[in-house]
C-alpha atoms as a PDB file:
ATOM      1  CA  MET A   1      34.077 -57.099 -77.298  1.00  0.00           C
ATOM      2  CA  GLY A   2      31.133 -59.050 -75.958  1.00  0.00           C
ATOM      3  CA  ASP A   3      33.163 -60.410 -73.052  1.00  0.00           C
ATOM      4  CA  PHE A   4      34.396 -56.922 -72.138  1.00  0.00           C
ATOM      5  CA  SER A   5      30.842 -55.567 -72.245  1.00  0.00           C
ATOM      6  CA  SER A   6      29.512 -58.345 -70.012  1.00  0.00           C
ATOM      7  CA  ILE A   7      32.325 -57.833 -67.467  1.00  0.00           C
ATOM      8  CA  HIS A   8      31.740 -54.088 -67.547  1.00  0.00           C
ATOM      9  CA  ASN A   9      28.027 -54.567 -66.911  1.00  0.00           C
ATOM     10  CA  ALA A  10      28.805 -56.990 -64.090  1.00  0.00           C
ATOM     11  CA  TYR A  11      30.991 -54.391 -62.377  1.00  0.00           C
ATOM     12  CA  ILE A  12      28.227 -51.823 -62.704  1.00  0.00           C
ATOM     13  CA  ALA A  13      25.795 -54.303 -61.180  1.00  0.00           C
ATOM     14  CA  VAL A  14      28.142 -54.956 -58.258  1.00  0.00           C
ATOM     15  CA  PHE A  15      28.550 -51.224 -57.670  1.00  0.00           C
ATOM     16  CA  VAL A  16      24.783 -50.692 -57.621  1.00  0.00           C
ATOM     17  CA  ILE A  17      24.203 -53.697 -55.345  1.00  0.00           C
ATOM     18  CA  GLY A  18      26.993 -52.595 -53.010  1.00  0.00           C
ATOM     19  CA  TYR A  19      25.696 -49.012 -52.881  1.00  0.00           C
ATOM     20  CA  LEU A  20      22.116 -50.103 -52.154  1.00  0.00           C
ATOM     21  CA  GLY A  21      23.370 -52.618 -49.603  1.00  0.00           C
ATOM     22  CA  ALA A  22      25.372 -49.863 -47.896  1.00  0.00           C
ATOM     23  CA  ILE A  23      22.436 -47.481 -47.440  1.00  0.00           C
ATOM     24  CA  THR A  24      20.009 -50.230 -46.384  1.00  0.00           C
ATOM     25  CA  PRO A  25      19.068 -49.778 -42.696  1.00  0.00           C
ATOM     26  CA  GLY A  26      21.378 -51.725 -40.403  1.00  0.00           C
ATOM     27  CA  PRO A  27      23.689 -51.253 -37.405  1.00  0.00           C
ATOM     28  CA  ASP A  28      26.578 -49.879 -39.483  1.00  0.00           C
ATOM     29  CA  ILE A  29      24.634 -47.210 -41.350  1.00  0.00           C
ATOM     30  CA  LEU A  30      22.683 -46.232 -38.222  1.00  0.00           C
ATOM     31  CA  LEU A  31      25.924 -45.698 -36.305  1.00  0.00           C
ATOM     32  CA  ILE A  32      27.353 -43.545 -39.103  1.00  0.00           C
ATOM     33  CA  LEU A  33      24.160 -41.478 -39.391  1.00  0.00           C
ATOM     34  CA  ARG A  34      24.058 -40.960 -35.630  1.00  0.00           C
ATOM     35  CA  TYR A  35      27.649 -39.696 -35.571  1.00  0.00           C
ATOM     36  CA  ALA A  36      27.001 -37.379 -38.541  1.00  0.00           C
ATOM     37  CA  LEU A  37      23.882 -35.918 -36.924  1.00  0.00           C
ATOM     38  CA  THR A  38      25.119 -35.535 -33.354  1.00  0.00           C
ATOM     39  CA  ASN A  39      28.903 -35.125 -33.664  1.00  0.00           C
ATOM     40  CA  GLY A  40      29.613 -33.832 -37.164  1.00  0.00           C
ATOM     41  CA  ALA A  41      31.934 -34.820 -39.990  1.00  0.00           C
ATOM     42  CA  GLY A  42      35.019 -35.629 -37.933  1.00  0.00           C
ATOM     43  CA  LYS A  43      33.466 -38.353 -35.776  1.00  0.00           C
ATOM     44  CA  ALA A  44      31.441 -39.712 -38.691  1.00  0.00           C
ATOM     45  CA  LEU A  45      34.545 -40.110 -40.865  1.00  0.00           C
ATOM     46  CA  ILE A  46      36.482 -41.751 -38.020  1.00  0.00           C
ATOM     47  CA  ALA A  47      33.598 -44.190 -37.563  1.00  0.00           C
ATOM     48  CA  LEU A  48      33.553 -44.810 -41.301  1.00  0.00           C
ATOM     49  CA  SER A  49      37.265 -45.661 -41.193  1.00  0.00           C
ATOM     50  CA  GLY A  50      36.495 -48.284 -38.531  1.00  0.00           C
ATOM     51  CA  ILE A  51      33.694 -49.801 -40.585  1.00  0.00           C
ATOM     52  CA  ALA A  52      35.821 -49.686 -43.742  1.00  0.00           C
ATOM     53  CA  SER A  53      38.555 -51.577 -41.873  1.00  0.00           C
ATOM     54  CA  GLY A  54      35.977 -54.292 -41.246  1.00  0.00           C
ATOM     55  CA  TRP A  55      35.187 -54.375 -44.966  1.00  0.00           C
ATOM     56  CA  LEU A  56      38.871 -54.769 -45.776  1.00  0.00           C
ATOM     57  CA  LEU A  57      39.088 -57.680 -43.363  1.00  0.00           C
ATOM     58  CA  TYR A  58      36.069 -59.357 -44.991  1.00  0.00           C
ATOM     59  CA  LEU A  59      37.445 -58.764 -48.488  1.00  0.00           C
ATOM     60  CA  GLY A  60      40.815 -60.171 -47.422  1.00  0.00           C
ATOM     61  CA  LEU A  61      39.124 -63.303 -46.085  1.00  0.00           C
ATOM     62  CA  VAL A  62      37.211 -63.658 -49.344  1.00  0.00           C
ATOM     63  CA  TYR A  63      40.323 -63.148 -51.437  1.00  0.00           C
ATOM     64  CA  PHE A  64      42.355 -65.747 -49.539  1.00  0.00           C
ATOM     65  CA  GLY A  65      39.478 -68.235 -49.413  1.00  0.00           C
ATOM     66  CA  PHE A  66      38.734 -68.165 -45.677  1.00  0.00           C
ATOM     67  CA  MET A  67      35.200 -66.800 -45.861  1.00  0.00           C
ATOM     68  CA  GLY A  68      33.687 -70.282 -45.943  1.00  0.00           C
ATOM     69  CA  ALA A  69      34.694 -70.867 -42.327  1.00  0.00           C
ATOM     70  CA  LEU A  70      32.752 -67.788 -41.199  1.00  0.00           C
ATOM     71  CA  SER A  71      29.657 -68.970 -43.060  1.00  0.00           C
ATOM     72  CA  HIS A  72      29.570 -72.195 -41.012  1.00  0.00           C
ATOM     73  CA  PRO A  73      26.490 -72.377 -38.718  1.00  0.00           C
ATOM     74  CA  VAL A  74      28.638 -72.515 -35.566  1.00  0.00           C
ATOM     75  CA  ALA A  75      30.507 -69.366 -36.564  1.00  0.00           C
ATOM     76  CA  GLN A  76      27.285 -67.636 -37.602  1.00  0.00           C
ATOM     77  CA  GLY A  77      25.630 -68.538 -34.305  1.00  0.00           C
ATOM     78  CA  LEU A  78      28.535 -67.351 -32.184  1.00  0.00           C
ATOM     79  CA  ILE A  79      28.875 -64.120 -34.149  1.00  0.00           C
ATOM     80  CA  GLY A  80      25.140 -63.513 -33.780  1.00  0.00           C
ATOM     81  CA  VAL A  81      25.236 -63.989 -30.001  1.00  0.00           C
ATOM     82  CA  LEU A  82      28.383 -61.916 -29.495  1.00  0.00           C
ATOM     83  CA  GLY A  83      27.116 -59.282 -31.922  1.00  0.00           C
ATOM     84  CA  GLY A  84      23.799 -59.028 -30.109  1.00  0.00           C
ATOM     85  CA  LEU A  85      25.532 -58.622 -26.757  1.00  0.00           C
ATOM     86  CA  TYR A  86      27.854 -55.953 -28.141  1.00  0.00           C
ATOM     87  CA  LEU A  87      25.010 -53.983 -29.735  1.00  0.00           C
ATOM     88  CA  GLY A  88      23.193 -54.189 -26.402  1.00  0.00           C
ATOM     89  CA  TYR A  89      26.281 -52.716 -24.756  1.00  0.00           C
ATOM     90  CA  ILE A  90      26.378 -49.931 -27.364  1.00  0.00           C
ATOM     91  CA  SER A  91      22.709 -49.184 -26.608  1.00  0.00           C
ATOM     92  CA  TYR A  92      23.480 -48.918 -22.903  1.00  0.00           C
ATOM     93  CA  LYS A  93      26.393 -46.545 -23.545  1.00  0.00           C
ATOM     94  CA  ILE A  94      24.281 -44.328 -25.801  1.00  0.00           C
ATOM     95  CA  LEU A  95      21.401 -44.192 -23.313  1.00  0.00           C
ATOM     96  CA  ARG A  96      23.781 -43.410 -20.474  1.00  0.00           C
ATOM     97  CA  SER A  97      25.393 -40.673 -22.543  1.00  0.00           C
ATOM     98  CA  SER A  98      21.965 -39.276 -23.406  1.00  0.00           C
ATOM     99  CA  THR A  99      20.846 -39.282 -19.757  1.00  0.00           C
ATOM    100  CA  GLU A 100      23.952 -37.481 -18.555  1.00  0.00           C
ATOM    101  CA  SER A 101      23.806 -35.037 -21.450  1.00  0.00           C
ATOM    102  CA  SER A 102      20.212 -34.056 -20.671  1.00  0.00           C
ATOM    103  CA  GLU A 103      21.549 -32.337 -17.551  1.00  0.00           C
ATOM    104  CA  ILE A 104      23.715 -30.017 -19.649  1.00  0.00           C
ATOM    105  CA  THR A 105      21.402 -29.236 -22.558  1.00  0.00           C
ATOM    106  CA  GLU A 106      21.944 -25.488 -22.294  1.00  0.00           C
ATOM    107  CA  LEU A 107      25.709 -25.940 -22.440  1.00  0.00           C
ATOM    108  CA  LEU A 108      25.357 -28.123 -25.511  1.00  0.00           C
ATOM    109  CA  GLU A 109      23.535 -25.317 -27.266  1.00  0.00           C
ATOM    110  CA  SER A 110      26.170 -22.714 -26.421  1.00  0.00           C
ATOM    111  CA  THR A 111      29.556 -24.485 -26.356  1.00  0.00           C
ATOM    112  CA  SER A 112      31.364 -26.980 -28.543  1.00  0.00           C
ATOM    113  CA  THR A 113      33.471 -28.163 -25.588  1.00  0.00           C
ATOM    114  CA  ALA A 114      30.455 -29.617 -23.810  1.00  0.00           C
ATOM    115  CA  ARG A 115      29.390 -31.443 -26.938  1.00  0.00           C
ATOM    116  CA  GLN A 116      32.874 -32.904 -27.321  1.00  0.00           C
ATOM    117  CA  GLY A 117      32.715 -34.078 -23.702  1.00  0.00           C
ATOM    118  CA  LYS A 118      29.389 -35.757 -24.452  1.00  0.00           C
ATOM    119  CA  SER A 119      30.786 -37.658 -27.428  1.00  0.00           C
ATOM    120  CA  ALA A 120      33.812 -38.756 -25.395  1.00  0.00           C
ATOM    121  CA  LEU A 121      31.482 -40.773 -23.184  1.00  0.00           C
ATOM    122  CA  LEU A 122      31.189 -43.309 -25.991  1.00  0.00           C
ATOM    123  CA  GLY A 123      34.905 -44.073 -25.949  1.00  0.00           C
ATOM    124  CA  ASN A 124      36.964 -44.876 -29.023  1.00  0.00           C
ATOM    125  CA  THR A 125      34.892 -44.111 -32.127  1.00  0.00           C
ATOM    126  CA  PHE A 126      37.062 -46.161 -34.479  1.00  0.00           C
ATOM    127  CA  LEU A 127      36.922 -49.323 -32.364  1.00  0.00           C
ATOM    128  CA  HIS A 128      33.201 -48.985 -31.682  1.00  0.00           C
ATOM    129  CA  ALA A 129      32.498 -48.767 -35.405  1.00  0.00           C
ATOM    130  CA  LEU A 130      34.869 -51.636 -36.245  1.00  0.00           C
ATOM    131  CA  PHE A 131      33.295 -53.950 -33.646  1.00  0.00           C
ATOM    132  CA  VAL A 132      29.767 -53.070 -34.770  1.00  0.00           C
ATOM    133  CA  ASN A 133      30.715 -54.014 -38.318  1.00  0.00           C
ATOM    134  CA  LEU A 134      32.432 -57.258 -37.334  1.00  0.00           C
ATOM    135  CA  SER A 135      29.579 -58.269 -35.013  1.00  0.00           C
ATOM    136  CA  ASN A 136      27.003 -58.459 -37.799  1.00  0.00           C
ATOM    137  CA  PRO A 137      26.729 -61.922 -39.439  1.00  0.00           C
ATOM    138  CA  LYS A 138      24.557 -60.423 -42.186  1.00  0.00           C
ATOM    139  CA  ALA A 139      27.585 -58.442 -43.365  1.00  0.00           C
ATOM    140  CA  ILE A 140      29.519 -61.680 -43.791  1.00  0.00           C
ATOM    141  CA  LEU A 141      26.742 -63.226 -45.877  1.00  0.00           C
ATOM    142  CA  PHE A 142      26.530 -60.039 -47.950  1.00  0.00           C
ATOM    143  CA  PHE A 143      30.188 -60.272 -48.908  1.00  0.00           C
ATOM    144  CA  ILE A 144      29.869 -63.968 -49.728  1.00  0.00           C
ATOM    145  CA  VAL A 145      26.827 -63.478 -51.978  1.00  0.00           C
ATOM    146  CA  VAL A 146      28.045 -60.354 -53.787  1.00  0.00           C
ATOM    147  CA  VAL A 147      31.682 -61.370 -54.256  1.00  0.00           C
ATOM    148  CA  ALA A 148      31.040 -65.008 -55.237  1.00  0.00           C
ATOM    149  CA  PRO A 149      30.356 -64.242 -58.941  1.00  0.00           C
ATOM    150  CA  PHE A 150      33.828 -62.687 -59.253  1.00  0.00           C
ATOM    151  CA  ALA A 151      35.839 -65.715 -58.214  1.00  0.00           C
ATOM    152  CA  GLY A 152      37.221 -65.945 -61.750  1.00  0.00           C
ATOM    153  CA  ASP A 153      38.596 -63.289 -64.071  1.00  0.00           C
ATOM    154  CA  GLY A 154      38.724 -59.764 -62.713  1.00  0.00           C
ATOM    155  CA  PHE A 155      38.319 -60.939 -59.135  1.00  0.00           C
ATOM    156  CA  GLU A 156      40.585 -58.265 -57.683  1.00  0.00           C
ATOM    157  CA  ILE A 157      38.853 -55.510 -59.652  1.00  0.00           C
ATOM    158  CA  GLY A 158      35.482 -56.770 -58.440  1.00  0.00           C
ATOM    159  CA  LEU A 159      36.652 -56.447 -54.825  1.00  0.00           C
ATOM    160  CA  VAL A 160      37.812 -52.879 -55.433  1.00  0.00           C
ATOM    161  CA  VAL A 161      34.508 -51.975 -57.111  1.00  0.00           C
ATOM    162  CA  LEU A 162      32.559 -53.398 -54.187  1.00  0.00           C
ATOM    163  CA  PHE A 163      34.658 -51.511 -51.639  1.00  0.00           C
ATOM    164  CA  CYS A 164      34.213 -48.246 -53.560  1.00  0.00           C
ATOM    165  CA  SER A 165      30.459 -48.750 -53.793  1.00  0.00           C
ATOM    166  CA  LEU A 166      30.165 -49.280 -50.040  1.00  0.00           C
ATOM    167  CA  LEU A 167      32.311 -46.225 -49.390  1.00  0.00           C
ATOM    168  CA  CYS A 168      30.177 -44.072 -51.694  1.00  0.00           C
ATOM    169  CA  GLY A 169      26.996 -45.267 -50.009  1.00  0.00           C
ATOM    170  CA  PHE A 170      28.217 -44.381 -46.532  1.00  0.00           C
ATOM    171  CA  LEU A 171      29.648 -41.036 -47.646  1.00  0.00           C
ATOM    172  CA  SER A 172      26.253 -40.186 -49.138  1.00  0.00           C
ATOM    173  CA  VAL A 173      24.588 -40.829 -45.795  1.00  0.00           C
ATOM    174  CA  ILE A 174      27.197 -38.708 -44.000  1.00  0.00           C
ATOM    175  CA  PHE A 175      26.591 -35.785 -46.394  1.00  0.00           C
ATOM    176  CA  VAL A 176      22.831 -36.036 -45.847  1.00  0.00           C
ATOM    177  CA  GLY A 177      23.333 -36.149 -42.078  1.00  0.00           C
ATOM    178  CA  LEU A 178      25.591 -33.090 -42.143  1.00  0.00           C
ATOM    179  CA  TYR A 179      23.067 -31.193 -44.276  1.00  0.00           C
ATOM    180  CA  VAL A 180      20.207 -31.980 -41.886  1.00  0.00           C
ATOM    181  CA  ARG A 181      22.331 -31.360 -38.785  1.00  0.00           C
ATOM    182  CA  LYS A 182      22.284 -27.574 -39.056  1.00  0.00           C
ATOM    183  CA  TRP A 183      18.547 -27.508 -38.294  1.00  0.00           C
ATOM    184  CA  LEU A 184      18.779 -29.650 -35.168  1.00  0.00           C
ATOM    185  CA  SER A 185      18.642 -28.309 -31.614  1.00  0.00           C
ATOM    186  CA  ALA A 186      20.441 -29.760 -28.596  1.00  0.00           C
ATOM    187  CA  GLN A 187      17.196 -31.363 -27.426  1.00  0.00           C
ATOM    188  CA  MET A 188      16.802 -33.047 -30.808  1.00  0.00           C
ATOM    189  CA  PHE A 189      20.364 -34.386 -30.531  1.00  0.00           C
ATOM    190  CA  LEU A 190      19.372 -36.052 -27.271  1.00  0.00           C
ATOM    191  CA  TRP A 191      16.317 -37.642 -28.836  1.00  0.00           C
ATOM    192  CA  ILE A 192      18.391 -38.891 -31.772  1.00  0.00           C
ATOM    193  CA  ASP A 193      20.627 -40.658 -29.253  1.00  0.00           C
ATOM    194  CA  ARG A 194      17.643 -42.200 -27.481  1.00  0.00           C
ATOM    195  CA  VAL A 195      15.956 -43.361 -30.667  1.00  0.00           C
ATOM    196  CA  SER A 196      19.277 -44.760 -31.940  1.00  0.00           C
ATOM    197  CA  ALA A 197      19.712 -46.691 -28.693  1.00  0.00           C
ATOM    198  CA  VAL A 198      16.231 -48.200 -28.996  1.00  0.00           C
ATOM    199  CA  ILE A 199      16.893 -49.253 -32.589  1.00  0.00           C
ATOM    200  CA  PHE A 200      20.214 -50.790 -31.560  1.00  0.00           C
ATOM    201  CA  VAL A 201      18.353 -52.769 -28.904  1.00  0.00           C
ATOM    202  CA  GLY A 202      16.103 -54.061 -31.683  1.00  0.00           C
ATOM    203  CA  PHE A 203      19.098 -55.106 -33.796  1.00  0.00           C
ATOM    204  CA  ALA A 204      20.659 -56.726 -30.725  1.00  0.00           C
ATOM    205  CA  GLY A 205      17.503 -58.730 -30.058  1.00  0.00           C
ATOM    206  CA  VAL A 206      17.329 -59.952 -33.649  1.00  0.00           C
ATOM    207  CA  LEU A 207      20.990 -61.018 -33.652  1.00  0.00           C
ATOM    208  CA  LEU A 208      20.659 -62.798 -30.312  1.00  0.00           C
ATOM    209  CA  TYR A 209      17.497 -64.578 -31.427  1.00  0.00           C
ATOM    210  CA  GLN A 210      19.057 -65.713 -34.701  1.00  0.00           C
ATOM    211  CA  GLY A 211      22.393 -66.613 -33.100  1.00  0.00           C
ATOM    212  CA  VAL A 212      20.873 -68.690 -30.314  1.00  0.00           C
ATOM    213  CA  GLY A 213      18.452 -70.305 -32.768  1.00  0.00           C
ATOM    214  CA  THR A 214      21.306 -71.269 -35.079  1.00  0.00           C
ATOM    215  CA  LEU A 215      23.284 -72.847 -32.239  1.00  0.00           C
ATOM    216  CA  LEU A 216      20.273 -74.740 -30.903  1.00  0.00           C
ATOM    217  CA  ARG A 217      19.620 -76.272 -34.335  1.00  0.00           C
ATOM    218  CA  LEU A 218      23.108 -77.821 -34.526  1.00  0.00           C
END
């Protein structure tokens, strides 16, 4: 009975840690919140499916014992540099979309077609979200640290619990974004894009700094 209780408590702990880790500010959650606020549930859920695909890849690597290779300093450095460059590219695309959309603000307020055209400027939502998730070395370390205690009994269940906790965290943020969205004007949508782009530039700078620093220390 004691063993069952301790395992049960461990699963609860993993769920809580995963949920809190999911809603902690970072590139993934910012991208999801931006889609929920500016594009609605459809785009946000498509983006979530891309990010969740990244989680499944990480969990698969953990399960089959390949995660250690990604935690190597060379891999971490390269992922940091590539991730920083990709987030910089995302920032550019968002800013460009925002600049072009500012010329059609009145249409955005009156038609859904114009808003759909605006979102199309960002390309494939699923792939953007997947690449943002895979370009973050902190996500790799998160999976290593959280999953490591479950390398023994109940390992598979622990992976499922972690995945569900992350999913619940992101869905919570989507629901909040959709609730807030109804009070936003077209001009506010544009400013959300611009602020998101600036924050992505910040994340990109941090990743580049850490990635280059890691490689230089080798």
